[in-house]
Amino acid sequence: MSLEYFIAKRIHFQQGKKNVSRPAVRIATIGIALGLAVMLISVAVVIGFKTEIRNKTIGFGGHIQVSNFDNNNTFETNPIKVDKALMNKITAIDGVKHVQRFATKPGIIKTDTEFQGVVIKGIDKGFNWDFFKSNLVEGNVLDVSGATPGNQVVLSKYLANLLGLKLGDSFYTYFIQEKVRARKFKIVGIYSTNFIEYDKLFILADMRQVQALNDWSQDSFSGLEILVNDFNRIDELGDKVYDVTANKFNKEGNAYTTQTIKQLNPQIFSWLSLLDMNVWVILLLMLAVAGFNMISGLLILILERTNMIGILKSMGSTNWSVRKIFLYHSAFLIGKGMLWGNVIGLSLCAIQYFTGIIPLDPQSYYVATVPVSFNWLYILLLNLGTLVASLLMMVGPSYLITKINPAKIIRYE
C-alpha cells in the first residue's frame, strides 16, 4: 500500500462530523449518485424503447424482404415465383434464421355502423408466429394446414374496437377489382402490439385466400420475409440475399428486389437514431453536473487541509505526491456515489421492468408502458466512463496544491 493511498484512506474514513467540508462532500457524493442513476435510467429506457419499436417493425415485415421490383410501393403487388430451390439457397446463408412467404391484398371491411381500409396478409404453414403469439390477447393463431382455404383471420384489438367486433364474430371484406369481390371472414384471434400504424392495417389470413383474390397460382407470392439471427448484420445479410436473387425474374420479365427493414421503413429508423443524440445530451449534462459538484468538494477539501499539505511538503513530499492523496480521496467519494447511483438507478429500472408501473399513451409512443432493457455491457461502460471522466476532472483542481507555500502555511499556523 502506497503512502498516498494510506493517507487518503485515513482522511476518507476518519472524517469528523464537525469538518467544514462534510456538507460539501455529502452534496458531491449525492450529485454523483443522482447523475449516474439518471444516466442508467436514460440508457435503459432508450435502449428498451428502440428495441420494442424495432422488434414490432420486424414482426410485421421481417428483417429482409424479397419482392417484385415493380411493386409500386403499394400492397397491391405484382407476384414473384418462389420455388424450393430459392428458399433453400436463402435459408443456407449463414446468419439467416427463417424464411417465410407472404401475399397481400388491400380491402375494405364494412360492418353495420363502420368501415375501414385494411390489408389482408396471407400466410402459410411456414409462418413464424413467435411475434404474434407474444402479442395475442384473445383466441388463437391461424391453422392454415387444412386441405381447403380457411376463412379464419387474426386481427388487432384496435380494429376490433373500431369496428365493434369481438372474438368469434364474422364480417365481410370487399376487394375493389374490375368486379367487386366480397369475402366473409371469422375472427379466431385478436392481437395488440400498440403499434397503431400497423395494428390498424394488417389482418392475417390464409395465403390461399389472397392468392385466389389476386388470381395467382400456388407458387406466386407478394414476396419473402427473411428473419436473421443478428440485427447488426442486417445490411451484410441483405447483400448476400441480393446476390442470390439478383438474376431472378418473373414471367413478365420483372426483376426481384431485396430490401432490409431499414430501407422499407427509413422514417422509423431515422427517428430511432435521433434518440441516441438525446441520450448523449443527457449523459453529458449529468456528467457535467456531477463533475462540478466533485470539483467544488475537492477544492473545499484542499482548502480545509492546507495545514496538512504544508506539513507534508515540508517533510519532502512532492506536489504530485500530495495531489495523489486528494485524487485517491476523490476516487473514494466517486466510488461511494457510483455505488448508490447503481443501487438507485438499477432498482428503479427493475421496478419498471417487472411491474410496468409507469404507463404511456400507445397512440403517441407505440408502447403501453415505459420499456426498460438491461444491457450489462452498456451499464459497465457507463460506470467505467463515469469513473474515468470524474477522476480526470479532478486532476485540474488538484493543481491548486502546487500553489500552497509550506513555509507560509506553517508560519501562519
Protein backbone atom coordinates (compact mmCIF):
# COMPACT_ATOMS: atom_id res chain seq x y z
CA MET A 1 0.00 0.00 0.00
CA SER A 2 1.48 3.36 -1.04
CA LEU A 3 1.80 6.23 1.45
CA GLU A 4 -0.57 8.43 -0.58
CA TYR A 5 -3.26 5.73 -0.63
CA PHE A 6 -2.85 5.12 3.12
CA ILE A 7 -3.24 8.82 3.99
CA ALA A 8 -6.22 9.23 1.64
CA LYS A 9 -7.90 6.22 3.22
CA ARG A 10 -7.39 7.64 6.73
CA ILE A 11 -8.80 11.01 5.66
CA HIS A 12 -11.83 9.45 3.98
CA PHE A 13 -12.83 7.00 6.69
CA GLN A 14 -11.99 9.15 9.72
CA GLN A 15 -13.60 12.47 8.82
CA GLY A 16 -15.07 14.17 11.83
CA LYS A 17 -18.67 15.28 11.90
CA LYS A 18 -17.56 18.86 12.58
CA ASN A 19 -15.44 19.13 9.45
CA VAL A 20 -16.29 22.16 7.34
CA SER A 21 -16.06 20.02 4.21
CA ARG A 22 -18.58 17.40 5.33
CA PRO A 23 -21.70 19.07 3.81
CA ALA A 24 -19.87 19.77 0.55
CA VAL A 25 -18.58 16.20 0.37
CA ARG A 26 -22.06 14.85 1.01
CA ILE A 27 -23.54 17.07 -1.72
CA ALA A 28 -20.81 15.96 -4.15
CA THR A 29 -21.50 12.29 -3.38
CA ILE A 30 -25.24 12.77 -3.83
CA GLY A 31 -24.57 14.57 -7.11
CA ILE A 32 -22.53 11.63 -8.41
CA ALA A 33 -25.22 9.16 -7.26
CA LEU A 34 -28.13 11.03 -8.83
CA GLY A 35 -26.19 11.78 -12.00
CA LEU A 36 -25.27 8.13 -12.55
CA ALA A 37 -28.80 6.98 -11.66
CA VAL A 38 -30.29 9.33 -14.27
CA MET A 39 -27.75 8.17 -16.86
CA LEU A 40 -28.50 4.49 -16.19
CA ILE A 41 -32.25 5.07 -16.40
CA SER A 42 -31.89 7.11 -19.61
CA VAL A 43 -29.80 4.45 -21.34
CA ALA A 44 -32.04 1.58 -20.17
CA VAL A 45 -35.23 3.34 -21.29
CA VAL A 46 -33.90 4.46 -24.68
CA ILE A 47 -32.44 1.03 -25.47
CA GLY A 48 -35.69 -0.58 -24.32
CA PHE A 49 -37.78 1.78 -26.43
CA LYS A 50 -35.62 1.31 -29.54
CA THR A 51 -35.71 -2.47 -29.09
CA GLU A 52 -39.50 -2.52 -28.70
CA ILE A 53 -40.17 -0.38 -31.78
CA ARG A 54 -37.58 -2.22 -33.84
CA ASN A 55 -38.97 -5.64 -32.88
CA LYS A 56 -42.52 -4.56 -33.71
CA THR A 57 -41.47 -3.26 -37.11
CA ILE A 58 -39.62 -6.51 -37.80
CA GLY A 59 -42.57 -8.54 -36.51
CA PHE A 60 -44.78 -7.13 -39.25
CA GLY A 61 -42.24 -7.29 -42.08
CA GLY A 62 -39.20 -9.41 -41.23
CA HIS A 63 -35.59 -8.23 -41.28
CA ILE A 64 -35.24 -8.51 -45.06
CA GLN A 65 -37.84 -8.68 -47.83
CA VAL A 66 -37.61 -10.02 -51.36
CA SER A 67 -40.35 -8.80 -53.69
CA ASN A 68 -41.11 -7.83 -57.27
CA PHE A 69 -39.04 -4.86 -58.41
CA ASP A 70 -42.21 -3.37 -59.92
CA ASN A 71 -44.29 -3.30 -56.73
CA ASN A 72 -45.21 0.42 -56.90
CA ASN A 73 -44.63 0.65 -53.12
CA THR A 74 -48.22 -0.44 -52.51
CA PHE A 75 -49.86 -3.53 -51.08
CA GLU A 76 -51.44 -4.26 -54.49
CA THR A 77 -48.29 -6.09 -55.52
CA ASN A 78 -47.09 -7.90 -58.59
CA PRO A 79 -46.17 -11.50 -57.78
CA ILE A 80 -42.85 -13.32 -57.75
CA LYS A 81 -42.32 -17.03 -58.30
CA VAL A 82 -40.87 -18.81 -55.28
CA ASP A 83 -39.71 -22.42 -55.51
CA LYS A 84 -37.98 -24.69 -53.01
CA ALA A 85 -34.60 -24.11 -54.65
CA LEU A 86 -34.77 -20.36 -53.96
CA MET A 87 -35.99 -20.93 -50.40
CA ASN A 88 -33.15 -23.40 -49.74
CA LYS A 89 -30.49 -21.05 -51.13
CA ILE A 90 -31.60 -18.21 -48.86
CA THR A 91 -32.01 -20.48 -45.83
CA ALA A 92 -28.45 -21.77 -46.36
CA ILE A 93 -26.97 -18.28 -45.88
CA ASP A 94 -25.08 -18.14 -42.59
CA GLY A 95 -27.00 -15.89 -40.20
CA VAL A 96 -30.45 -16.43 -41.73
CA LYS A 97 -32.87 -17.74 -39.11
CA HIS A 98 -36.10 -18.27 -41.05
CA VAL A 99 -37.65 -17.63 -44.47
CA GLN A 100 -41.41 -17.29 -44.98
CA ARG A 101 -43.70 -16.42 -47.90
CA PHE A 102 -46.47 -13.85 -47.80
CA ALA A 103 -49.08 -12.26 -50.04
CA THR A 104 -51.06 -9.06 -49.55
CA LYS A 105 -54.38 -7.68 -50.77
CA PRO A 106 -55.93 -4.32 -49.83
CA GLY A 107 -59.61 -4.38 -48.95
CA ILE A 108 -62.39 -2.59 -47.08
CA ILE A 109 -64.14 -4.00 -44.04
CA LYS A 110 -67.76 -2.94 -43.71
CA THR A 111 -69.94 -3.54 -40.69
CA ASP A 112 -73.42 -2.23 -39.91
CA THR A 113 -72.02 1.00 -38.49
CA GLU A 114 -68.39 1.36 -39.60
CA PHE A 115 -65.98 0.69 -42.45
CA GLN A 116 -62.20 0.61 -42.56
CA GLY A 117 -59.50 0.10 -45.17
CA VAL A 118 -57.19 -2.82 -44.32
CA VAL A 119 -54.56 -5.09 -45.82
CA ILE A 120 -55.18 -8.82 -45.80
CA LYS A 121 -51.80 -10.51 -45.33
CA GLY A 122 -51.81 -14.11 -46.46
CA ILE A 123 -49.56 -16.55 -44.61
CA ASP A 124 -48.98 -20.29 -44.90
CA LYS A 125 -47.95 -23.09 -42.54
CA GLY A 126 -44.32 -21.95 -42.71
CA PHE A 127 -45.13 -18.65 -41.00
CA ASN A 128 -43.23 -17.84 -37.78
CA TRP A 129 -45.84 -16.99 -35.16
CA ASP A 130 -43.49 -16.01 -32.31
CA PHE A 131 -44.15 -12.27 -32.60
CA PHE A 132 -47.93 -12.53 -32.83
CA LYS A 133 -48.15 -15.19 -30.11
CA SER A 134 -46.33 -12.83 -27.74
CA ASN A 135 -48.88 -10.10 -28.55
CA LEU A 136 -52.02 -12.27 -28.70
CA VAL A 137 -54.67 -11.04 -26.25
CA GLU A 138 -57.59 -13.31 -27.20
CA GLY A 139 -58.16 -16.53 -29.09
CA ASN A 140 -55.57 -18.46 -31.07
CA VAL A 141 -53.36 -18.11 -34.12
CA LEU A 142 -54.46 -19.39 -37.51
CA ASP A 143 -54.47 -23.04 -38.51
CA VAL A 144 -53.72 -23.00 -42.24
CA SER A 145 -52.86 -26.67 -42.62
CA GLY A 146 -56.28 -27.67 -43.96
CA ALA A 147 -56.81 -29.07 -47.44
CA THR A 148 -59.05 -26.14 -48.38
CA PRO A 149 -58.56 -22.40 -47.77
CA GLY A 150 -59.97 -21.34 -44.41
CA ASN A 151 -61.93 -18.16 -43.71
CA GLN A 152 -60.41 -17.60 -40.29
CA VAL A 153 -58.45 -14.42 -39.55
CA VAL A 154 -56.45 -12.78 -36.79
CA LEU A 155 -56.86 -9.02 -36.45
CA SER A 156 -55.80 -6.35 -34.00
CA LYS A 157 -57.60 -5.19 -30.90
CA TYR A 158 -57.54 -1.68 -32.36
CA LEU A 159 -59.52 -2.79 -35.43
CA ALA A 160 -61.88 -4.92 -33.35
CA ASN A 161 -62.73 -1.96 -31.10
CA LEU A 162 -63.01 0.43 -34.05
CA LEU A 163 -65.42 -1.83 -35.92
CA GLY A 164 -67.30 -3.12 -32.89
CA LEU A 165 -66.15 -6.72 -33.44
CA LYS A 166 -65.21 -9.40 -30.95
CA LEU A 167 -63.74 -12.89 -30.91
CA GLY A 168 -65.90 -15.31 -32.90
CA ASP A 169 -67.65 -12.60 -34.94
CA SER A 170 -67.83 -12.71 -38.73
CA PHE A 171 -67.53 -9.77 -41.09
CA TYR A 172 -67.37 -9.02 -44.81
CA THR A 173 -64.36 -7.55 -46.57
CA TYR A 174 -64.74 -6.03 -50.02
CA PHE A 175 -61.98 -6.02 -52.63
CA ILE A 176 -62.08 -3.43 -55.39
CA GLN A 177 -61.20 -5.00 -58.75
CA GLU A 178 -62.80 -4.99 -62.18
CA LYS A 179 -65.62 -6.68 -60.36
CA VAL A 180 -66.00 -6.05 -56.64
CA ARG A 181 -65.40 -9.22 -54.66
CA ALA A 182 -66.58 -9.91 -51.13
CA ARG A 183 -65.26 -12.43 -48.62
CA LYS A 184 -66.67 -13.41 -45.27
CA PHE A 185 -64.11 -13.92 -42.53
CA LYS A 186 -64.36 -15.17 -38.94
CA ILE A 187 -62.23 -13.81 -36.10
CA VAL A 188 -60.32 -16.57 -34.26
CA GLY A 189 -57.62 -14.41 -32.68
CA ILE A 190 -57.03 -10.82 -31.59
CA TYR A 191 -53.57 -9.32 -31.15
CA SER A 192 -52.39 -5.98 -29.79
CA THR A 193 -48.90 -4.60 -30.42
CA ASN A 194 -49.82 -0.97 -29.62
CA PHE A 195 -48.06 -0.11 -32.89
CA ILE A 196 -51.12 1.69 -34.19
CA GLU A 197 -49.75 2.36 -37.68
CA TYR A 198 -49.67 -1.39 -38.30
CA ASP A 199 -52.38 -2.55 -35.91
CA LYS A 200 -54.99 -0.59 -37.86
CA LEU A 201 -53.77 -2.05 -41.14
CA PHE A 202 -52.93 -5.76 -41.07
CA ILE A 203 -55.25 -8.75 -40.86
CA LEU A 204 -53.70 -12.22 -41.08
CA ALA A 205 -55.49 -14.77 -43.25
CA ASP A 206 -54.91 -18.00 -45.18
CA MET A 207 -52.44 -17.48 -48.02
CA ARG A 208 -54.71 -19.33 -50.45
CA GLN A 209 -57.49 -16.80 -49.91
CA VAL A 210 -55.20 -13.97 -51.00
CA GLN A 211 -53.83 -15.92 -53.95
CA ALA A 212 -57.38 -16.61 -55.14
CA LEU A 213 -58.33 -12.94 -54.79
CA ASN A 214 -55.26 -11.95 -56.82
CA ASP A 215 -55.84 -14.72 -59.40
CA TRP A 216 -52.37 -16.09 -58.69
CA SER A 217 -51.04 -19.62 -58.96
CA GLN A 218 -49.94 -21.56 -55.87
CA ASP A 219 -46.27 -20.67 -56.41
CA SER A 220 -46.91 -16.92 -56.74
CA PHE A 221 -46.44 -14.63 -53.75
CA SER A 222 -46.03 -10.96 -52.92
CA GLY A 223 -42.61 -11.77 -51.55
CA LEU A 224 -40.41 -13.39 -48.94
CA GLU A 225 -39.77 -12.25 -45.38
CA ILE A 226 -36.39 -13.24 -44.02
CA LEU A 227 -35.56 -13.30 -40.31
CA VAL A 228 -31.92 -13.13 -39.22
CA ASN A 229 -30.11 -14.03 -36.00
CA ASP A 230 -28.29 -10.73 -35.51
CA PHE A 231 -29.85 -7.36 -36.35
CA ASN A 232 -26.40 -5.77 -36.51
CA ARG A 233 -25.64 -7.95 -39.56
CA ILE A 234 -28.80 -6.97 -41.43
CA ASP A 235 -27.00 -4.92 -44.11
CA GLU A 236 -24.40 -7.64 -44.71
CA LEU A 237 -27.06 -10.37 -44.93
CA GLY A 238 -29.22 -8.16 -47.14
CA ASP A 239 -26.35 -8.03 -49.64
CA LYS A 240 -25.99 -11.82 -49.52
CA VAL A 241 -29.71 -12.32 -50.15
CA TYR A 242 -29.45 -9.85 -53.03
CA ASP A 243 -26.65 -11.95 -54.55
CA VAL A 244 -28.97 -14.97 -54.50
CA THR A 245 -31.94 -13.16 -56.05
CA ALA A 246 -30.17 -10.68 -58.37
CA ASN A 247 -30.68 -12.79 -61.50
CA LYS A 248 -34.25 -13.89 -60.75
CA PHE A 249 -37.11 -12.72 -62.97
CA ASN A 250 -40.84 -13.38 -63.02
CA LYS A 251 -42.71 -14.50 -66.12
CA GLU A 252 -43.25 -10.86 -67.19
CA GLY A 253 -39.51 -10.29 -67.09
CA ASN A 254 -39.54 -8.14 -63.93
CA ALA A 255 -36.55 -8.49 -61.61
CA TYR A 256 -36.65 -9.30 -57.91
CA THR A 257 -35.61 -6.64 -55.41
CA THR A 258 -34.14 -7.12 -51.94
CA GLN A 259 -34.65 -4.53 -49.19
CA THR A 260 -33.87 -4.50 -45.49
CA ILE A 261 -36.45 -3.37 -42.97
CA LYS A 262 -34.40 -0.18 -42.52
CA GLN A 263 -34.79 0.59 -46.22
CA LEU A 264 -38.50 -0.22 -46.14
CA ASN A 265 -39.12 1.99 -43.08
CA PRO A 266 -36.46 4.74 -43.20
CA GLN A 267 -38.62 7.22 -41.27
CA ILE A 268 -38.93 4.88 -38.28
CA PHE A 269 -35.25 4.01 -38.07
CA SER A 270 -34.18 7.63 -38.63
CA TRP A 271 -36.43 8.61 -35.74
CA LEU A 272 -34.89 5.90 -33.55
CA SER A 273 -31.40 7.13 -34.46
CA LEU A 274 -32.29 10.61 -33.22
CA LEU A 275 -32.92 9.15 -29.76
CA ASP A 276 -29.20 8.40 -29.48
CA MET A 277 -28.47 12.13 -29.69
CA ASN A 278 -30.90 12.78 -26.83
CA VAL A 279 -29.11 10.20 -24.69
CA TRP A 280 -25.72 11.77 -25.35
CA VAL A 281 -27.06 15.19 -24.32
CA ILE A 282 -28.42 13.73 -21.07
CA LEU A 283 -25.17 11.87 -20.34
CA LEU A 284 -23.02 14.97 -20.90
CA LEU A 285 -25.30 17.19 -18.79
CA MET A 286 -25.39 14.73 -15.89
CA LEU A 287 -21.64 14.20 -16.07
CA ALA A 288 -21.07 17.96 -16.09
CA VAL A 289 -23.30 18.48 -13.04
CA ALA A 290 -21.69 15.61 -11.13
CA GLY A 291 -18.22 16.82 -12.11
CA PHE A 292 -18.96 20.38 -10.97
CA ASN A 293 -20.11 19.07 -7.58
CA MET A 294 -16.97 16.97 -7.21
CA ILE A 295 -14.70 19.87 -8.21
CA SER A 296 -16.36 22.08 -5.58
CA GLY A 297 -15.98 19.37 -2.95
CA LEU A 298 -12.33 18.78 -3.80
CA LEU A 299 -11.47 22.48 -3.61
CA ILE A 300 -13.09 22.71 -0.18
CA LEU A 301 -11.18 19.60 0.97
CA ILE A 302 -7.89 21.12 -0.19
CA LEU A 303 -8.56 24.47 1.49
CA GLU A 304 -9.61 22.72 4.70
CA ARG A 305 -6.39 20.72 4.85
CA THR A 306 -3.83 23.34 3.86
CA ASN A 307 -2.01 22.74 7.17
CA MET A 308 -1.60 19.04 6.37
CA ILE A 309 -0.42 19.91 2.86
CA GLY A 310 2.17 22.34 4.26
CA ILE A 311 3.49 19.76 6.73
CA LEU A 312 3.75 17.04 4.06
CA LYS A 313 5.60 19.39 1.70
CA SER A 314 7.99 20.49 4.46
CA MET A 315 8.77 16.81 5.12
CA GLY A 316 9.83 16.35 1.50
CA SER A 317 6.64 15.25 -0.25
CA THR A 318 6.40 16.36 -3.86
CA ASN A 319 3.46 18.27 -5.26
CA TRP A 320 2.38 15.23 -7.28
CA SER A 321 2.56 13.01 -4.19
CA VAL A 322 0.26 15.34 -2.26
CA ARG A 323 -2.05 15.68 -5.25
CA LYS A 324 -2.32 11.89 -5.42
CA ILE A 325 -3.61 11.86 -1.83
CA PHE A 326 -6.54 14.07 -2.78
CA LEU A 327 -7.12 12.22 -6.04
CA TYR A 328 -7.36 8.95 -4.10
CA HIS A 329 -9.75 10.66 -1.69
CA SER A 330 -11.83 11.86 -4.64
CA ALA A 331 -11.86 8.32 -6.04
CA PHE A 332 -13.30 7.04 -2.74
CA LEU A 333 -16.05 9.67 -2.86
CA ILE A 334 -16.79 8.98 -6.52
CA GLY A 335 -16.91 5.24 -5.84
CA LYS A 336 -19.34 5.73 -2.98
CA GLY A 337 -21.56 7.95 -5.13
CA MET A 338 -21.45 5.47 -8.01
CA LEU A 339 -22.40 2.61 -5.70
CA TRP A 340 -25.52 4.43 -4.57
CA GLY A 341 -26.19 5.59 -8.13
CA ASN A 342 -26.20 1.99 -9.35
CA VAL A 343 -28.46 0.90 -6.50
CA ILE A 344 -30.96 3.70 -7.17
CA GLY A 345 -30.87 3.56 -10.97
CA LEU A 346 -30.98 -0.21 -11.38
CA SER A 347 -33.62 -0.60 -8.66
CA LEU A 348 -35.95 1.87 -10.37
CA CYS A 349 -35.35 0.17 -13.72
CA ALA A 350 -36.08 -3.24 -12.19
CA ILE A 351 -39.33 -1.99 -10.65
CA GLN A 352 -40.47 -0.64 -14.02
CA TYR A 353 -39.31 -3.78 -15.85
CA PHE A 354 -41.27 -6.17 -13.62
CA THR A 355 -44.34 -4.05 -12.84
CA GLY A 356 -44.71 -1.59 -15.74
CA ILE A 357 -45.85 0.94 -13.14
CA ILE A 358 -45.29 3.98 -15.39
CA PRO A 359 -47.76 3.95 -18.32
CA LEU A 360 -47.52 5.63 -21.71
CA ASP A 361 -50.08 6.58 -24.33
CA PRO A 362 -49.83 3.90 -27.07
CA GLN A 363 -51.28 6.33 -29.62
CA SER A 364 -48.23 8.58 -29.20
CA TYR A 365 -45.42 6.23 -28.15
CA TYR A 366 -46.44 2.82 -29.62
CA VAL A 367 -45.93 1.16 -26.22
CA ALA A 368 -48.28 0.89 -23.24
CA THR A 369 -45.63 1.26 -20.52
CA VAL A 370 -42.12 2.72 -20.31
CA PRO A 371 -39.88 -0.03 -21.76
CA VAL A 372 -36.65 -0.93 -19.98
CA SER A 373 -33.75 -3.02 -21.27
CA PHE A 374 -30.77 -4.16 -19.20
CA ASN A 375 -27.70 -4.14 -21.41
CA TRP A 376 -24.95 -5.08 -18.97
CA LEU A 377 -22.16 -4.13 -21.36
CA TYR A 378 -23.54 -0.58 -21.63
CA ILE A 379 -24.03 -0.43 -17.86
CA LEU A 380 -20.41 -1.49 -17.30
CA LEU A 381 -19.11 1.01 -19.86
CA LEU A 382 -21.25 3.78 -18.36
CA ASN A 383 -19.81 3.11 -14.90
CA LEU A 384 -16.28 2.94 -16.23
CA GLY A 385 -16.73 6.10 -18.27
CA THR A 386 -18.20 7.98 -15.31
CA LEU A 387 -15.30 6.94 -13.07
CA VAL A 388 -12.61 7.87 -15.58
CA ALA A 389 -14.24 11.17 -16.60
CA SER A 390 -14.81 12.20 -12.97
CA LEU A 391 -11.21 11.42 -11.99
CA LEU A 392 -9.86 13.32 -14.99
CA MET A 393 -11.92 16.35 -13.96
CA MET A 394 -10.24 16.19 -10.53
CA VAL A 395 -6.72 16.49 -11.94
CA GLY A 396 -7.08 20.17 -12.85
CA PRO A 397 -8.43 21.44 -9.49
CA SER A 398 -5.79 19.43 -7.62
CA TYR A 399 -3.22 21.73 -9.26
CA LEU A 400 -4.15 24.24 -6.52
CA ILE A 401 -1.92 22.19 -4.21
CA THR A 402 1.18 23.29 -6.12
CA LYS A 403 0.38 26.93 -5.22
CA ILE A 404 0.44 26.27 -1.48
CA ASN A 405 3.70 27.52 0.11
CA PRO A 406 4.60 25.26 3.08
CA ALA A 407 6.69 27.96 4.81
CA LYS A 408 3.81 30.46 4.83
CA ILE A 409 1.29 27.85 5.96
CA ILE A 410 3.40 26.58 8.87
CA ARG A 411 4.30 30.16 9.92
CA TYR A 412 0.62 31.11 9.84
CA GLU A 413 -0.38 28.09 11.91
